[in-house]
Protein backbone atom coordinates (compact mmCIF):
# COMPACT_ATOMS: atom_id res chain seq x y z
CA MET A 1 164.92 -1.40 -14.67
CA ASN A 2 161.06 -2.15 -15.30
CA VAL A 3 160.46 -3.95 -18.18
CA GLU A 4 156.23 -4.54 -19.23
CA ILE A 5 156.83 -7.38 -21.26
CA PHE A 6 154.21 -8.37 -24.32
CA ALA A 7 154.86 -11.27 -25.32
CA ASN A 8 154.41 -15.37 -25.45
CA ARG A 9 155.94 -16.49 -22.54
CA SER A 10 155.32 -20.53 -22.89
CA ASN A 11 157.97 -20.11 -26.50
CA PRO A 12 160.91 -21.73 -25.59
CA ALA A 13 162.76 -18.49 -27.73
CA ILE A 14 161.33 -15.69 -25.48
CA GLN A 15 161.69 -17.92 -22.02
CA ASN A 16 165.49 -18.64 -23.09
CA LEU A 17 165.37 -14.68 -24.21
CA LEU A 18 163.85 -13.61 -20.00
CA HIS A 19 166.31 -16.19 -18.51
CA LYS A 20 169.07 -14.72 -19.58
CA ALA A 21 168.16 -11.14 -18.56
CA GLY A 22 170.09 -11.32 -15.66
CA ASP A 23 169.81 -9.23 -12.70
CA GLY A 24 168.97 -5.45 -12.63
CA LEU A 25 166.25 -6.39 -15.12
CA ASN A 26 162.37 -5.61 -13.15
CA MET A 27 160.21 -7.80 -15.37
CA TYR A 28 156.06 -7.65 -15.89
CA PHE A 29 153.63 -9.77 -17.31
CA ASP A 30 150.17 -7.81 -16.68
CA ALA A 31 149.77 -4.03 -16.37
CA ASN A 32 151.77 -3.00 -13.09
CA ASN A 33 150.10 0.57 -12.07
CA MET A 34 151.83 1.17 -9.22
CA VAL A 35 155.97 0.34 -10.90
CA ASP A 36 157.39 3.77 -12.98
CA ILE A 37 158.11 1.02 -16.24
CA ASP A 38 161.18 2.28 -18.57
CA TYR A 39 160.49 0.02 -21.12
CA TYR A 40 157.22 -1.16 -22.81
CA LEU A 41 159.04 -4.49 -25.12
CA PHE A 42 156.37 -5.95 -27.68
CA ILE A 43 157.47 -9.95 -28.95
CA TYR A 44 155.85 -11.57 -31.64
CA LEU A 45 157.21 -14.63 -33.20
CA PRO A 46 155.65 -15.79 -36.31
CA CYS A 47 153.88 -18.39 -35.24
CA GLU A 48 151.92 -16.44 -33.33
CA LEU A 49 150.48 -15.65 -36.70
CA THR A 50 149.82 -18.67 -38.60
CA ASN A 51 146.42 -19.30 -37.12
CA LYS A 52 145.51 -16.32 -38.65
CA HIS A 53 144.53 -14.07 -36.15
CA ILE A 54 145.15 -10.60 -34.89
CA PRO A 55 147.63 -10.44 -31.43
CA PRO A 56 146.00 -9.09 -29.34
CA THR A 57 148.69 -6.94 -27.15
CA LEU A 58 148.60 -5.49 -31.55
CA PRO A 59 146.50 -2.45 -30.67
CA LYS A 60 148.22 -1.29 -27.27
CA LEU A 61 151.33 -1.53 -29.17
CA VAL A 62 150.16 1.26 -31.38
CA ASP A 63 148.88 2.82 -29.18
CA TYR A 64 151.95 2.89 -26.86
CA SER A 65 154.21 3.69 -29.73
CA ASN A 66 151.81 6.82 -29.72
CA LYS A 67 151.93 7.56 -26.18
CA HIS A 68 155.50 6.54 -25.49
CA PRO A 69 157.86 6.39 -28.95
CA ASP A 70 160.99 6.72 -26.54
CA LYS A 71 159.92 3.49 -24.66
CA THR A 72 158.38 1.03 -26.74
CA ILE A 73 160.33 -1.54 -28.76
CA PHE A 74 158.80 -4.17 -31.07
CA CYS A 75 160.18 -7.01 -32.20
CA PHE A 76 158.50 -9.26 -35.06
CA ALA A 77 161.22 -11.47 -34.62
CA GLN A 78 160.22 -13.91 -38.42
CA GLU A 79 164.11 -15.66 -37.95
CA GLN A 80 163.00 -17.49 -34.91
CA GLU A 81 159.79 -20.23 -36.07
CA VAL A 82 160.22 -22.88 -39.17
CA GLU A 83 156.61 -22.41 -39.52
CA GLN A 84 154.92 -20.21 -42.30
CA ILE A 85 153.43 -17.13 -42.44
CA THR A 86 151.31 -16.34 -45.39
CA ALA A 87 152.18 -13.39 -47.52
CA HIS A 88 149.39 -11.40 -46.74
CA GLN A 89 150.66 -11.49 -42.98
CA LEU A 90 154.00 -10.93 -43.66
CA LYS A 91 152.95 -7.75 -45.51
CA SER A 92 151.06 -6.72 -42.82
CA ILE A 93 153.30 -6.79 -39.58
CA ARG A 94 155.69 -4.75 -41.73
CA ALA A 95 153.18 -2.27 -42.10
CA VAL A 96 152.35 -2.36 -38.82
CA GLY A 97 156.95 -2.21 -38.13
CA LYS A 98 156.64 0.92 -39.80
CA LEU A 99 154.06 2.59 -38.71
CA VAL A 100 155.79 2.22 -34.70
CA GLU A 101 159.01 3.54 -36.58
CA ASP A 102 156.90 6.49 -37.97
CA ASN A 103 155.45 7.27 -34.49
CA GLY A 104 159.17 7.04 -32.84
CA ALA A 105 159.50 4.00 -31.15
CA ARG A 106 162.20 1.44 -32.17
CA TRP A 107 161.12 -1.66 -34.99
CA LEU A 108 163.14 -4.95 -34.70
CA THR A 109 163.23 -7.64 -37.08
CA GLN A 110 164.67 -10.18 -34.83
CA LEU A 111 165.71 -11.08 -30.90
CA PRO A 112 168.22 -9.50 -29.71
CA ALA A 113 170.80 -11.34 -28.63
CA SER A 114 170.38 -10.31 -24.41
CA LEU A 115 167.47 -8.12 -22.87
CA HIS A 116 171.07 -5.39 -22.09
CA SER A 117 172.15 -5.63 -24.95
CA LEU A 118 169.27 -3.78 -26.38
CA PHE A 119 168.32 -2.04 -23.39
CA GLU A 120 172.33 -0.41 -23.31
CA CYS A 121 172.09 0.32 -27.05
CA ARG A 122 168.49 2.88 -26.40
CA GLY A 123 170.70 5.00 -23.82
CA ALA A 124 169.00 3.45 -20.97
């Protein structure tokens, strides 16, 4: 299974999730047009929003949720960090999650226990 991941690889929570991925999962972090991607996984953590900028992959998330709703998964893992984001930022990211979900893609509010369990429950 080929998964393109849009996440901050230097974050310990993301590193842990990727480390537990195991065999049978090919993970790509840069667009690789030579590979047929089965899933697009976007993960945002609150610490990425604390400096009050829009994540650069956010427009791509919305675009992919329109073009590939059955392959797009959005995860805003609010519980993973101690940094606080503003109420406005939280409202905005939830609006994005609702938009993505309305487009037919999947929206998660916490990190999955493992990447394999995430894709198994999608029927992969």
